[in-house]
Amino acid sequence: MLTGMGRDGVEELKAMKDKGAVTIAQDKESSIIHGMPREAIKIDPAAHILPPEGIAELLVALSKKKNGGHQ
């Protein structure tokens, strides 16, 4: 869940988490508008709360783990 206003996508993010997806919300410090990530954090569908750089690093790490450490 990236920067934006309102609750757009929060219920969908929760449904994804409930089905085992890795869910991520952008942190307050790096958000221009923190409304959508704040809602995702508030109702807890975001398993990770990270700045954009941290999101990228997490996605790379998850990709490597899925591929057995191979790129």
C-alpha atoms as a PDB file:
ATOM      1  CA  MET A   1       0.000   0.000   0.000  1.00  0.00           C
ATOM      2  CA  LEU A   2       1.725   3.126  -1.213  1.00  0.00           C
ATOM      3  CA  THR A   3       1.130   6.808  -0.522  1.00  0.00           C
ATOM      4  CA  GLY A   4      -2.398   8.027  -1.196  1.00  0.00           C
ATOM      5  CA  MET A   5      -5.633   9.254   0.374  1.00  0.00           C
ATOM      6  CA  GLY A   6      -8.441   7.339   2.012  1.00  0.00           C
ATOM      7  CA  ARG A   7      -9.099   3.647   2.435  1.00  0.00           C
ATOM      8  CA  ASP A   8      -8.733   2.627  -1.206  1.00  0.00           C
ATOM      9  CA  GLY A   9      -7.470  -0.937  -1.357  1.00  0.00           C
ATOM     10  CA  VAL A  10      -7.308  -1.617   2.385  1.00  0.00           C
ATOM     11  CA  GLU A  11      -9.945  -4.367   2.368  1.00  0.00           C
ATOM     12  CA  GLU A  12      -8.311  -5.964  -0.674  1.00  0.00           C
ATOM     13  CA  LEU A  13      -4.913  -5.854   1.049  1.00  0.00           C
ATOM     14  CA  LYS A  14      -6.476  -7.559   4.082  1.00  0.00           C
ATOM     15  CA  ALA A  15      -7.978 -10.259   1.838  1.00  0.00           C
ATOM     16  CA  MET A  16      -4.556 -10.820   0.262  1.00  0.00           C
ATOM     17  CA  LYS A  17      -2.896 -11.143   3.686  1.00  0.00           C
ATOM     18  CA  ASP A  18      -5.615 -13.551   4.819  1.00  0.00           C
ATOM     19  CA  LYS A  19      -4.719 -15.775   1.837  1.00  0.00           C
ATOM     20  CA  GLY A  20      -1.004 -15.741   2.725  1.00  0.00           C
ATOM     21  CA  ALA A  21       0.306 -12.915   0.548  1.00  0.00           C
ATOM     22  CA  VAL A  22       3.214 -10.750   1.671  1.00  0.00           C
ATOM     23  CA  THR A  23       1.680  -7.354   2.397  1.00  0.00           C
ATOM     24  CA  ILE A  24       3.561  -4.079   2.641  1.00  0.00           C
ATOM     25  CA  ALA A  25       2.622  -0.503   3.534  1.00  0.00           C
ATOM     26  CA  GLN A  26       4.760   2.548   2.911  1.00  0.00           C
ATOM     27  CA  ASP A  27       5.977   4.190   6.113  1.00  0.00           C
ATOM     28  CA  LYS A  28       4.741   7.614   7.232  1.00  0.00           C
ATOM     29  CA  GLU A  29       8.121   9.306   6.917  1.00  0.00           C
ATOM     30  CA  SER A  30       8.449   8.628   3.189  1.00  0.00           C
ATOM     31  CA  SER A  31       4.778   9.161   2.242  1.00  0.00           C
ATOM     32  CA  ILE A  32       3.603  12.393   0.678  1.00  0.00           C
ATOM     33  CA  ILE A  33       0.059  11.535   1.738  1.00  0.00           C
ATOM     34  CA  HIS A  34      -0.069   8.811   4.374  1.00  0.00           C
ATOM     35  CA  GLY A  35      -3.849   8.158   4.339  1.00  0.00           C
ATOM     36  CA  MET A  36      -3.931   4.796   2.551  1.00  0.00           C
ATOM     37  CA  PRO A  37      -0.846   3.324   4.245  1.00  0.00           C
ATOM     38  CA  ARG A  38      -2.083   4.615   7.639  1.00  0.00           C
ATOM     39  CA  GLU A  39      -5.399   2.790   7.143  1.00  0.00           C
ATOM     40  CA  ALA A  40      -3.545  -0.386   6.134  1.00  0.00           C
ATOM     41  CA  ILE A  41      -1.427  -0.151   9.266  1.00  0.00           C
ATOM     42  CA  LYS A  42      -4.409   0.698  11.485  1.00  0.00           C
ATOM     43  CA  ILE A  43      -6.485  -2.377  10.559  1.00  0.00           C
ATOM     44  CA  ASP A  44      -3.359  -4.545  10.339  1.00  0.00           C
ATOM     45  CA  PRO A  45      -3.302  -6.010   6.818  1.00  0.00           C
ATOM     46  CA  ALA A  46       0.252  -4.738   6.326  1.00  0.00           C
ATOM     47  CA  ALA A  47       2.830  -7.280   7.511  1.00  0.00           C
ATOM     48  CA  HIS A  48       5.709  -4.897   6.705  1.00  0.00           C
ATOM     49  CA  ILE A  49       5.886  -1.101   7.077  1.00  0.00           C
ATOM     50  CA  LEU A  50       8.820   0.237   5.075  1.00  0.00           C
ATOM     51  CA  PRO A  51      10.139   3.175   3.029  1.00  0.00           C
ATOM     52  CA  PRO A  52      10.326   2.624  -0.758  1.00  0.00           C
ATOM     53  CA  GLU A  53      13.979   1.523  -0.541  1.00  0.00           C
ATOM     54  CA  GLY A  54      13.083  -1.033   2.114  1.00  0.00           C
ATOM     55  CA  ILE A  55      10.203  -2.307  -0.016  1.00  0.00           C
ATOM     56  CA  ALA A  56      12.603  -2.839  -2.910  1.00  0.00           C
ATOM     57  CA  GLU A  57      15.099  -4.642  -0.658  1.00  0.00           C
ATOM     58  CA  LEU A  58      12.364  -6.886   0.758  1.00  0.00           C
ATOM     59  CA  LEU A  59      11.111  -7.784  -2.722  1.00  0.00           C
ATOM     60  CA  VAL A  60      14.646  -8.662  -3.862  1.00  0.00           C
ATOM     61  CA  ALA A  61      15.198 -10.794  -0.743  1.00  0.00           C
ATOM     62  CA  LEU A  62      11.878 -12.587  -1.219  1.00  0.00           C
ATOM     63  CA  SER A  63      12.681 -13.182  -4.877  1.00  0.00           C
ATOM     64  CA  LYS A  64      16.050 -14.678  -4.005  1.00  0.00           C
ATOM     65  CA  LYS A  65      14.481 -16.869  -1.324  1.00  0.00           C
ATOM     66  CA  LYS A  66      11.844 -18.110  -3.770  1.00  0.00           C
ATOM     67  CA  ASN A  67      14.549 -18.919  -6.332  1.00  0.00           C
ATOM     68  CA  GLY A  68      16.699 -20.732  -3.796  1.00  0.00           C
ATOM     69  CA  GLY A  69      19.183 -17.854  -3.575  1.00  0.00           C
ATOM     70  CA  HIS A  70      19.779 -17.788  -7.332  1.00  0.00           C
ATOM     71  CA  GLN A  71      19.093 -14.777  -9.491  1.00  0.00           C
END
